[in-house]
Amino acid sequence: MTLPLSLLDARVPRYTSYPTAPHFHAGVDRNVFERWLQELPADMPLSLYVHMPFCDTLCWFCGCHTTVINSHAPVVHYLGDLASEIGLVASALGSKRPVSHLHFGGGSPTIMASEDWHRLMELLRQKFEFLPGAEIAVEIDPRGLTDEMIATLAEIGVTRASIGVQDLDDAVQRAINRIQPFDCTKSAVDRLRAAGICGLNIDLVYGLPQQTEAGLLHTLDQVLTLAPDRLAVFGYAHVPHFKKHQNLIDERSLPDLEARASQFELAQSRIAAAGYQPIGLDHFARSDDGLAIAWREGRLKRNFQGYSDDAASALIGFGASSISALPQGYVQNIPAVAQWRAMLRRNVLPIARGVALSVDDRLRGAAIERLMCDLEVDLAEVSARFGESADAFADVWSRLEPLAEHGLVEIDGNRLRVRDEMRAGLRLVCAAFDAYLNDGNAQHARAV
């Protein structure tokens, strides 16, 4: 690692949005969201996200909005309220809108029963018009994945599955309370492909307790034998002040900053050597995958699920804690299921907070997205797109200069580029554009 560790120890956002979620506020409420929905052009394709906030076991590393349940009843009740929310949003839209992408996340969406999936998809197809070739993706926990569930996912039209693996080392799995042998993952991959669900992603995590370079390399080599279409390697964010269950992890077993940086570089080099195209900060794709094609064509996007080749200009989130990204701004649903449900039973959209985008937000957000996706940006081009001069970024240069001195970013007039070998510090370059970062309202994860 050629970057000083002191730089990589900085706490900066992951930039799945700009402004980032800690800067959403209650001034953007359900009335604002309803108005924004009504303003969307009738022919604008939408992307949909459905959040399932339940799991049957607690993974100690998890940073998601989820709750452990031991019966199916909470799922049934939740789906009833989810149906109400879908109806309210469809009513606000006023017509049956086209959909190009649907993603089920969690939590563990596969905690739903087969009949739950069929009813939910039937409702979504009643309220929205799924375009030919629309991608339907689901996050899958391979532990306990039954043949019946796989058959159900195929029947409802799922085209892509994202499989959580994290790490295959026994010591790491015990340390994060997620026991998942390689054979379990391989079986899930083989059976999904046999059912015709061939778009497969695998998610890994570095910086976990008890994790070593040797163990991570073994995990990478095993996972690569499965030949997934896409891989993501996320850095573990230890935030016990935010996720109390992370206190179950012994902080003394976490890799230090130098070890985290080495693990990041190891994953990058090993996956790239296997023929995958690095995508943005932490994703990889086979050259014929849609993500790699979008990257080559300069139309890669970044959203709350990571990187995407979906061209939709609006993302609507359903379920507790979900976030919608519309051309006018962002809105987030109430995270707590009980409060989210109470709003729906009053027949009102369960919005907690959001933010309306200013011209400056759009300008900076566009520059950040191109950096996060392409590792480079032409600030003159971005400025012109918004009817501004490059002087709109005048405040950025003083924050970029120290990064340039360390070789993290190359500056050529109004063009910026982060070299591949400096990818670990990408979020630091993006942070130079963040007008909200130093307001003291947020705690973020390390840069690597």
Protein backbone atom coordinates (compact mmCIF):
# COMPACT_ATOMS: atom_id res chain seq x y z
CA MET A 1 0.00 0.00 0.00
CA THR A 2 1.58 3.28 -1.12
CA LEU A 3 -0.93 5.54 0.62
CA PRO A 4 -0.20 6.72 4.16
CA LEU A 5 -2.29 4.78 6.65
CA SER A 6 -3.21 8.04 8.34
CA LEU A 7 -5.17 8.98 5.20
CA LEU A 8 -6.96 5.65 5.06
CA ASP A 9 -7.96 5.98 8.71
CA ALA A 10 -10.21 8.92 7.79
CA ARG A 11 -13.96 8.38 8.30
CA VAL A 12 -15.83 9.10 5.08
CA PRO A 13 -19.17 8.05 3.55
CA ARG A 14 -19.63 5.19 1.09
CA TYR A 15 -21.39 7.60 -1.27
CA THR A 16 -24.32 5.48 -2.31
CA SER A 17 -26.09 8.85 -2.48
CA TYR A 18 -25.28 12.54 -2.23
CA PRO A 19 -26.20 14.09 0.12
CA THR A 20 -25.71 10.98 2.23
CA ALA A 21 -28.39 9.56 4.52
CA PRO A 22 -27.18 11.19 7.77
CA HIS A 23 -28.12 14.55 6.24
CA PHE A 24 -31.73 13.66 5.49
CA HIS A 25 -34.20 15.62 7.64
CA ALA A 26 -37.84 15.60 8.70
CA GLY A 27 -38.65 18.62 6.53
CA VAL A 28 -39.12 16.24 3.62
CA ASP A 29 -42.23 14.34 4.66
CA ARG A 30 -44.97 12.17 3.16
CA ASN A 31 -46.67 15.15 1.52
CA VAL A 32 -43.46 16.08 -0.29
CA PHE A 33 -42.93 12.46 -1.36
CA GLU A 34 -46.48 12.19 -2.68
CA ARG A 35 -46.03 15.36 -4.69
CA TRP A 36 -42.74 14.12 -6.11
CA LEU A 37 -44.38 10.84 -7.16
CA GLN A 38 -47.16 12.74 -8.92
CA GLU A 39 -44.60 14.83 -10.81
CA LEU A 40 -42.84 11.82 -12.38
CA PRO A 41 -43.47 11.51 -16.14
CA ALA A 42 -45.94 8.71 -16.88
CA ASP A 43 -43.53 7.00 -19.28
CA MET A 44 -40.48 7.15 -17.01
CA PRO A 45 -39.22 3.62 -16.20
CA LEU A 46 -38.92 2.94 -12.48
CA SER A 47 -36.64 0.78 -10.40
CA LEU A 48 -38.25 -0.82 -7.33
CA TYR A 49 -36.70 -1.98 -4.07
CA VAL A 50 -38.53 -4.14 -1.51
CA HIS A 51 -37.05 -4.50 1.98
CA MET A 52 -37.66 -7.57 4.14
CA PRO A 53 -36.44 -6.67 7.66
CA PHE A 54 -36.33 -10.20 9.16
CA CYS A 55 -33.79 -13.00 9.58
CA ASP A 56 -33.88 -16.32 11.40
CA THR A 57 -30.40 -15.88 12.93
CA LEU A 58 -28.33 -12.87 13.94
CA CYS A 59 -25.06 -12.30 12.08
CA TRP A 60 -22.96 -10.21 14.45
CA PHE A 61 -21.24 -8.22 11.68
CA CYS A 62 -24.51 -7.12 10.06
CA GLY A 63 -25.22 -3.43 9.53
CA CYS A 64 -28.66 -3.87 7.94
CA HIS A 65 -32.08 -2.95 9.32
CA THR A 66 -33.28 -6.40 10.39
CA THR A 67 -34.75 -8.32 13.33
CA VAL A 68 -34.46 -12.00 14.23
CA ILE A 69 -37.80 -13.84 14.34
CA ASN A 70 -38.67 -17.42 15.27
CA SER A 71 -42.07 -17.77 13.62
CA HIS A 72 -43.63 -16.91 10.27
CA ALA A 73 -46.37 -14.72 11.73
CA PRO A 74 -44.35 -11.43 11.65
CA VAL A 75 -43.64 -11.98 7.96
CA VAL A 76 -47.33 -12.45 7.19
CA HIS A 77 -48.30 -9.30 9.11
CA TYR A 78 -45.51 -7.32 7.49
CA LEU A 79 -46.55 -8.35 3.99
CA GLY A 80 -50.09 -7.18 4.66
CA ASP A 81 -48.82 -3.72 5.50
CA LEU A 82 -46.38 -3.81 2.60
CA ALA A 83 -49.34 -4.39 0.28
CA SER A 84 -50.94 -1.24 1.71
CA GLU A 85 -47.80 0.77 1.04
CA ILE A 86 -47.57 -0.49 -2.55
CA GLY A 87 -51.19 0.53 -3.04
CA LEU A 88 -50.60 4.03 -1.65
CA VAL A 89 -47.59 4.61 -3.88
CA ALA A 90 -49.41 3.29 -6.95
CA SER A 91 -52.31 5.58 -6.17
CA ALA A 92 -50.01 8.59 -5.90
CA LEU A 93 -48.41 7.70 -9.24
CA GLY A 94 -51.86 7.63 -10.76
CA SER A 95 -51.18 5.19 -13.58
CA LYS A 96 -49.52 1.82 -14.13
CA ARG A 97 -45.86 2.77 -14.49
CA PRO A 98 -43.15 0.83 -16.39
CA VAL A 99 -40.54 -1.01 -14.29
CA SER A 100 -37.08 -1.99 -15.51
CA HIS A 101 -35.61 -3.41 -12.30
CA LEU A 102 -36.86 -4.96 -9.06
CA HIS A 103 -34.60 -5.82 -6.13
CA PHE A 104 -35.58 -7.71 -2.96
CA GLY A 105 -33.21 -7.00 -0.07
CA GLY A 106 -33.01 -7.36 3.67
CA GLY A 107 -32.63 -8.91 6.08
CA SER A 108 -33.31 -12.22 4.39
CA PRO A 109 -35.98 -12.05 1.66
CA THR A 110 -35.93 -15.83 1.38
CA ILE A 111 -37.49 -15.98 4.84
CA MET A 112 -40.77 -15.57 2.95
CA ALA A 113 -42.77 -18.69 2.10
CA SER A 114 -43.55 -19.70 -1.46
CA GLU A 115 -47.13 -18.44 -1.26
CA ASP A 116 -45.82 -15.09 0.07
CA TRP A 117 -43.64 -14.65 -2.99
CA HIS A 118 -46.45 -15.45 -5.41
CA ARG A 119 -48.89 -13.06 -3.75
CA LEU A 120 -46.35 -10.24 -3.56
CA MET A 121 -45.27 -10.57 -7.19
CA GLU A 122 -48.89 -10.79 -8.32
CA LEU A 123 -49.59 -7.50 -6.54
CA LEU A 124 -46.53 -5.79 -7.99
CA ARG A 125 -47.46 -6.91 -11.49
CA GLN A 126 -51.00 -5.62 -10.95
CA LYS A 127 -49.75 -2.18 -9.92
CA PHE A 128 -46.77 -1.83 -12.28
CA GLU A 129 -45.95 -2.77 -15.89
CA PHE A 130 -42.78 -4.85 -15.95
CA LEU A 131 -40.85 -4.15 -19.14
CA PRO A 132 -39.55 -6.97 -21.34
CA GLY A 133 -36.16 -7.99 -20.00
CA ALA A 134 -36.75 -6.36 -16.61
CA GLU A 135 -34.27 -7.69 -14.07
CA ILE A 136 -35.70 -9.20 -10.88
CA ALA A 137 -32.99 -9.70 -8.27
CA VAL A 138 -33.08 -11.17 -4.79
CA GLU A 139 -30.58 -11.34 -1.94
CA ILE A 140 -30.17 -14.94 -0.79
CA ASP A 141 -28.91 -16.57 2.38
CA PRO A 142 -27.85 -20.02 1.12
CA ARG A 143 -28.19 -21.57 4.57
CA GLY A 144 -31.44 -23.48 4.50
CA LEU A 145 -32.19 -22.59 0.88
CA THR A 146 -34.64 -25.27 -0.22
CA ASP A 147 -35.39 -26.65 -3.66
CA GLU A 148 -38.96 -25.42 -3.22
CA MET A 149 -37.74 -21.86 -2.64
CA ILE A 150 -35.50 -21.98 -5.70
CA ALA A 151 -38.39 -23.28 -7.81
CA THR A 152 -40.59 -20.47 -6.50
CA LEU A 153 -38.01 -17.80 -7.35
CA ALA A 154 -37.76 -19.19 -10.87
CA GLU A 155 -41.56 -19.26 -11.21
CA ILE A 156 -41.97 -15.59 -10.27
CA GLY A 157 -39.32 -14.54 -12.77
CA VAL A 158 -36.18 -13.94 -10.69
CA THR A 159 -33.23 -13.45 -13.03
CA ARG A 160 -30.43 -12.58 -10.60
CA ALA A 161 -29.45 -13.81 -7.14
CA SER A 162 -26.98 -12.15 -4.79
CA ILE A 163 -25.47 -14.68 -2.39
CA GLY A 164 -23.93 -13.62 0.89
CA VAL A 165 -20.73 -15.50 1.74
CA GLN A 166 -18.55 -13.00 3.68
CA ASP A 167 -15.69 -15.44 4.42
CA LEU A 168 -15.28 -19.22 4.36
CA ASP A 169 -12.75 -19.55 7.18
CA ASP A 170 -14.14 -21.45 10.20
CA ALA A 171 -12.63 -19.08 12.76
CA VAL A 172 -14.06 -16.03 11.01
CA GLN A 173 -17.48 -17.62 10.67
CA ARG A 174 -17.57 -18.42 14.39
CA ALA A 175 -16.45 -14.88 15.21
CA ILE A 176 -19.35 -13.36 13.23
CA ASN A 177 -21.92 -16.05 14.13
CA ARG A 178 -22.49 -17.12 10.52
CA ILE A 179 -21.62 -20.77 9.94
CA GLN A 180 -21.75 -21.39 6.20
CA PRO A 181 -19.46 -24.10 4.77
CA PHE A 182 -18.32 -23.85 1.16
CA ASP A 183 -20.45 -26.86 0.19
CA CYS A 184 -23.55 -24.94 1.30
CA THR A 185 -22.71 -22.05 -1.00
CA LYS A 186 -21.74 -24.32 -3.90
CA SER A 187 -24.99 -26.26 -3.60
CA ALA A 188 -27.00 -23.02 -3.74
CA VAL A 189 -25.09 -21.85 -6.82
CA ASP A 190 -25.50 -25.17 -8.64
CA ARG A 191 -29.21 -25.45 -7.89
CA LEU A 192 -29.97 -21.84 -8.82
CA ARG A 193 -28.26 -22.30 -12.17
CA ALA A 194 -30.08 -25.57 -12.76
CA ALA A 195 -33.37 -23.71 -12.20
CA GLY A 196 -32.42 -21.10 -14.80
CA ILE A 197 -31.40 -18.32 -12.39
CA CYS A 198 -28.01 -17.75 -13.94
CA GLY A 199 -27.18 -14.17 -13.05
CA LEU A 200 -25.22 -14.75 -9.83
CA ASN A 201 -23.46 -12.31 -7.53
CA ILE A 202 -21.35 -13.27 -4.53
CA ASP A 203 -20.70 -10.87 -1.66
CA LEU A 204 -17.53 -11.07 0.43
CA VAL A 205 -16.28 -8.93 3.31
CA TYR A 206 -12.76 -7.99 4.43
CA GLY A 207 -11.72 -6.58 7.78
CA LEU A 208 -13.69 -9.20 9.74
CA PRO A 209 -12.64 -10.56 13.14
CA GLN A 210 -10.02 -13.33 12.98
CA GLN A 211 -9.55 -12.68 9.25
CA THR A 212 -6.07 -13.13 7.80
CA GLU A 213 -4.59 -12.68 4.34
CA ALA A 214 -4.06 -16.43 4.02
CA GLY A 215 -7.65 -17.16 5.01
CA LEU A 216 -9.03 -14.49 2.69
CA LEU A 217 -6.95 -15.83 -0.21
CA HIS A 218 -8.34 -19.32 0.42
CA THR A 219 -11.87 -17.91 0.44
CA LEU A 220 -11.24 -16.05 -2.81
CA ASP A 221 -9.84 -19.12 -4.53
CA GLN A 222 -12.79 -21.25 -3.48
CA VAL A 223 -15.36 -18.67 -4.51
CA LEU A 224 -13.70 -18.14 -7.89
CA THR A 225 -14.24 -21.82 -8.70
CA LEU A 226 -17.97 -21.03 -8.69
CA ALA A 227 -17.45 -18.54 -11.55
CA PRO A 228 -20.05 -15.96 -10.43
CA ASP A 229 -20.94 -13.20 -12.88
CA ARG A 230 -20.22 -10.53 -10.27
CA LEU A 231 -18.31 -10.24 -7.03
CA ALA A 232 -18.42 -7.56 -4.37
CA VAL A 233 -15.83 -7.25 -1.59
CA PHE A 234 -17.01 -4.83 1.08
CA GLY A 235 -15.06 -3.48 4.02
CA TYR A 236 -16.57 -4.41 7.37
CA ALA A 237 -17.77 -1.32 9.24
CA HIS A 238 -17.51 -1.85 12.99
CA VAL A 239 -20.07 0.61 14.39
CA PRO A 240 -21.31 -0.82 17.72
CA HIS A 241 -22.54 2.66 18.70
CA PHE A 242 -25.04 2.28 15.85
CA LYS A 243 -25.54 -1.50 15.71
CA LYS A 244 -25.50 -2.72 19.30
CA HIS A 245 -25.19 -6.41 18.40
CA GLN A 246 -21.71 -5.70 17.02
CA ASN A 247 -20.62 -5.47 20.65
CA LEU A 248 -20.70 -9.28 20.51
CA ILE A 249 -17.56 -9.07 18.35
CA ASP A 250 -14.29 -8.88 20.24
CA GLU A 251 -12.64 -5.72 18.93
CA ARG A 252 -9.21 -7.20 19.72
CA SER A 253 -9.82 -9.80 17.00
CA LEU A 254 -10.35 -7.20 14.27
CA PRO A 255 -7.55 -6.65 11.74
CA ASP A 256 -5.74 -3.35 12.24
CA LEU A 257 -5.75 -0.65 9.58
CA GLU A 258 -2.61 -1.94 7.86
CA ALA A 259 -4.05 -5.46 7.71
CA ARG A 260 -7.36 -4.14 6.33
CA ALA A 261 -5.52 -2.27 3.59
CA SER A 262 -3.52 -5.38 2.71
CA GLN A 263 -6.69 -7.47 2.57
CA PHE A 264 -8.29 -4.91 0.26
CA GLU A 265 -5.32 -5.01 -2.11
CA LEU A 266 -5.16 -8.81 -1.98
CA ALA A 267 -8.82 -9.14 -2.96
CA GLN A 268 -8.46 -6.58 -5.75
CA SER A 269 -5.42 -8.24 -7.29
CA ARG A 270 -6.63 -11.84 -6.94
CA ILE A 271 -10.05 -11.25 -8.49
CA ALA A 272 -8.64 -9.12 -11.30
CA ALA A 273 -6.05 -11.83 -12.04
CA ALA A 274 -8.95 -14.27 -12.49
CA GLY A 275 -10.20 -12.18 -15.41
CA TYR A 276 -12.82 -9.99 -13.72
CA GLN A 277 -13.14 -6.32 -14.56
CA PRO A 278 -12.80 -4.11 -11.46
CA ILE A 279 -15.88 -1.92 -11.16
CA GLY A 280 -15.68 1.24 -9.10
CA LEU A 281 -14.53 0.79 -5.52
CA ASP A 282 -15.37 -2.78 -4.60
CA HIS A 283 -17.26 -4.62 -7.37
CA PHE A 284 -16.01 -6.95 -10.10
CA ALA A 285 -17.77 -8.34 -13.17
CA ARG A 286 -17.10 -10.73 -16.02
CA SER A 287 -16.44 -8.89 -19.28
CA ASP A 288 -19.76 -9.98 -20.81
CA ASP A 289 -21.83 -9.01 -17.74
CA GLY A 290 -24.14 -6.00 -17.94
CA LEU A 291 -22.21 -4.22 -15.20
CA ALA A 292 -18.93 -4.42 -17.12
CA ILE A 293 -20.64 -3.36 -20.34
CA ALA A 294 -22.21 -0.34 -18.58
CA TRP A 295 -18.78 0.58 -17.18
CA ARG A 296 -17.15 0.42 -20.62
CA GLU A 297 -19.93 2.56 -22.10
CA GLY A 298 -19.71 5.18 -19.33
CA ARG A 299 -23.26 4.65 -18.05
CA LEU A 300 -22.57 2.85 -14.79
CA LYS A 301 -24.63 4.12 -11.85
CA ARG A 302 -24.31 3.91 -8.08
CA ASN A 303 -27.25 3.48 -5.73
CA PHE A 304 -28.10 2.10 -2.31
CA GLN A 305 -27.50 -1.49 -3.47
CA GLY A 306 -24.02 -0.62 -4.81
CA TYR A 307 -23.31 -0.42 -8.55
CA SER A 308 -25.99 -0.83 -11.19
CA ASP A 309 -26.47 -0.90 -14.95
CA ASP A 310 -30.16 -0.04 -14.56
CA ALA A 311 -31.02 3.10 -16.53
CA ALA A 312 -34.13 4.05 -14.52
CA SER A 313 -34.09 7.66 -13.29
CA ALA A 314 -36.23 6.93 -10.23
CA LEU A 315 -35.94 4.27 -7.53
CA ILE A 316 -38.92 3.65 -5.25
CA GLY A 317 -38.32 1.79 -2.01
CA PHE A 318 -40.97 -0.21 -0.17
CA GLY A 319 -40.80 -1.52 3.38
CA ALA A 320 -39.44 -0.30 6.71
CA SER A 321 -36.19 1.74 6.38
CA SER A 322 -36.16 1.64 2.56
CA ILE A 323 -34.95 4.70 0.65
CA SER A 324 -36.39 6.14 -2.55
CA ALA A 325 -34.23 8.16 -4.94
CA LEU A 326 -36.24 10.42 -7.23
CA PRO A 327 -35.08 13.19 -9.56
CA GLN A 328 -36.28 15.72 -6.97
CA GLY A 329 -34.50 14.17 -3.99
CA TYR A 330 -34.33 11.29 -1.50
CA VAL A 331 -36.85 10.02 1.04
CA GLN A 332 -36.51 7.30 3.66
CA ASN A 333 -39.24 5.23 5.24
CA ILE A 334 -39.54 4.92 9.01
CA PRO A 335 -36.96 2.27 10.03
CA ALA A 336 -38.85 0.72 12.97
CA VAL A 337 -41.44 -1.79 11.75
CA ALA A 338 -44.00 -0.92 14.44
CA GLN A 339 -43.98 2.81 13.61
CA TRP A 340 -43.86 2.12 9.86
CA ARG A 341 -46.93 -0.13 10.27
CA ALA A 342 -48.79 2.42 12.40
CA MET A 343 -48.50 5.05 9.66
CA LEU A 344 -49.76 2.66 7.01
CA ARG A 345 -52.73 1.71 9.15
CA ARG A 346 -53.59 5.40 9.18
CA ASN A 347 -53.50 5.15 5.38
CA VAL A 348 -50.55 7.52 4.98
CA LEU A 349 -47.13 7.01 3.42
CA PRO A 350 -44.63 6.04 6.18
CA ILE A 351 -41.95 8.66 5.45
CA ALA A 352 -39.47 9.56 8.18
CA ARG A 353 -37.16 12.04 6.47
CA GLY A 354 -35.46 13.00 3.25
CA VAL A 355 -33.73 15.78 1.37
CA ALA A 356 -34.62 17.89 -1.65
CA LEU A 357 -31.73 18.28 -4.09
CA SER A 358 -30.37 21.75 -4.73
CA VAL A 359 -28.46 22.64 -7.90
CA ASP A 360 -25.25 22.39 -5.89
CA ASP A 361 -26.25 18.94 -4.58
CA ARG A 362 -26.88 17.72 -8.13
CA LEU A 363 -23.59 19.14 -9.36
CA ARG A 364 -21.49 17.62 -6.60
CA GLY A 365 -23.46 14.39 -6.67
CA ALA A 366 -22.79 13.98 -10.38
CA ALA A 367 -19.04 14.49 -9.88
CA ILE A 368 -18.98 12.03 -6.97
CA GLU A 369 -20.93 9.41 -8.92
CA ARG A 370 -18.56 9.58 -11.89
CA LEU A 371 -15.56 9.23 -9.58
CA MET A 372 -17.13 6.32 -7.71
CA CYS A 373 -18.03 4.60 -11.00
CA ASP A 374 -15.23 5.54 -13.41
CA LEU A 375 -12.39 6.63 -11.08
CA GLU A 376 -12.24 9.82 -13.14
CA VAL A 377 -14.29 12.91 -13.88
CA ASP A 378 -14.20 15.93 -16.17
CA LEU A 379 -15.39 18.78 -13.95
CA ALA A 380 -15.86 21.13 -16.90
CA GLU A 381 -18.20 18.62 -18.56
CA VAL A 382 -20.15 18.08 -15.33
CA SER A 383 -20.45 21.82 -14.75
CA ALA A 384 -21.63 22.47 -18.30
CA ARG A 385 -24.26 19.77 -17.96
CA PHE A 386 -25.83 21.82 -15.14
CA GLY A 387 -25.35 25.18 -16.82
CA GLU A 388 -22.51 26.13 -14.50
CA SER A 389 -18.87 27.05 -15.03
CA ALA A 390 -16.03 24.96 -13.61
CA ASP A 391 -15.68 27.67 -10.95
CA ALA A 392 -18.57 25.95 -9.20
CA PHE A 393 -15.95 23.55 -7.84
CA ALA A 394 -13.58 26.29 -6.67
CA ASP A 395 -13.68 25.14 -3.05
CA VAL A 396 -12.64 21.59 -3.96
CA TRP A 397 -9.08 22.25 -5.12
CA SER A 398 -7.59 23.03 -1.72
CA ARG A 399 -8.86 19.69 -0.44
CA LEU A 400 -7.62 17.80 -3.50
CA GLU A 401 -4.08 19.20 -3.47
CA PRO A 402 -2.85 17.21 -0.42
CA LEU A 403 -4.32 14.05 -1.96
CA ALA A 404 -2.54 14.80 -5.23
CA GLU A 405 0.74 15.23 -3.35
CA HIS A 406 0.36 11.67 -2.05
CA GLY A 407 -0.36 10.45 -5.59
CA LEU A 408 -3.93 9.52 -4.75
CA VAL A 409 -5.44 11.67 -7.49
CA GLU A 410 -3.99 13.00 -10.74
CA ILE A 411 -5.10 16.51 -11.72
CA ASP A 412 -4.95 17.63 -15.35
CA GLY A 413 -6.73 20.96 -15.65
CA ASN A 414 -10.36 20.18 -14.84
CA ARG A 415 -9.86 16.43 -15.19
CA LEU A 416 -9.31 14.18 -12.20
CA ARG A 417 -8.23 10.55 -12.25
CA VAL A 418 -7.64 8.00 -9.51
CA ARG A 419 -5.18 5.32 -10.62
CA ASP A 420 -6.21 1.69 -10.21
CA GLU A 421 -3.57 1.05 -7.58
CA MET A 422 -4.97 3.95 -5.51
CA ARG A 423 -8.53 2.61 -5.58
CA ALA A 424 -8.50 2.12 -1.79
CA GLY A 425 -8.53 5.89 -1.33
CA LEU A 426 -11.33 6.61 -3.81
CA ARG A 427 -13.81 7.72 -1.17
CA LEU A 428 -11.28 10.27 0.12
CA VAL A 429 -11.26 11.97 -3.28
CA CYS A 430 -15.06 11.98 -3.34
CA ALA A 431 -15.11 13.49 0.15
CA ALA A 432 -13.31 16.56 -1.21
CA PHE A 433 -16.58 17.40 -3.01
CA ASP A 434 -18.80 16.84 0.05
CA ALA A 435 -20.17 20.13 1.35
CA TYR A 436 -21.88 18.40 4.29
CA LEU A 437 -19.05 16.22 5.56
CA ASN A 438 -17.72 18.37 8.36
CA ASP A 439 -20.99 19.46 9.94
CA GLY A 440 -20.54 16.97 12.80
CA ASN A 441 -23.84 15.15 12.23
CA ALA A 442 -22.50 11.80 11.03
CA GLN A 443 -20.13 8.99 11.93
CA HIS A 444 -18.77 7.08 8.96
CA ALA A 445 -16.64 4.02 8.26
CA ARG A 446 -12.91 4.06 7.57
CA ALA A 447 -11.82 4.89 4.03
CA VAL A 448 -10.54 1.32 3.60
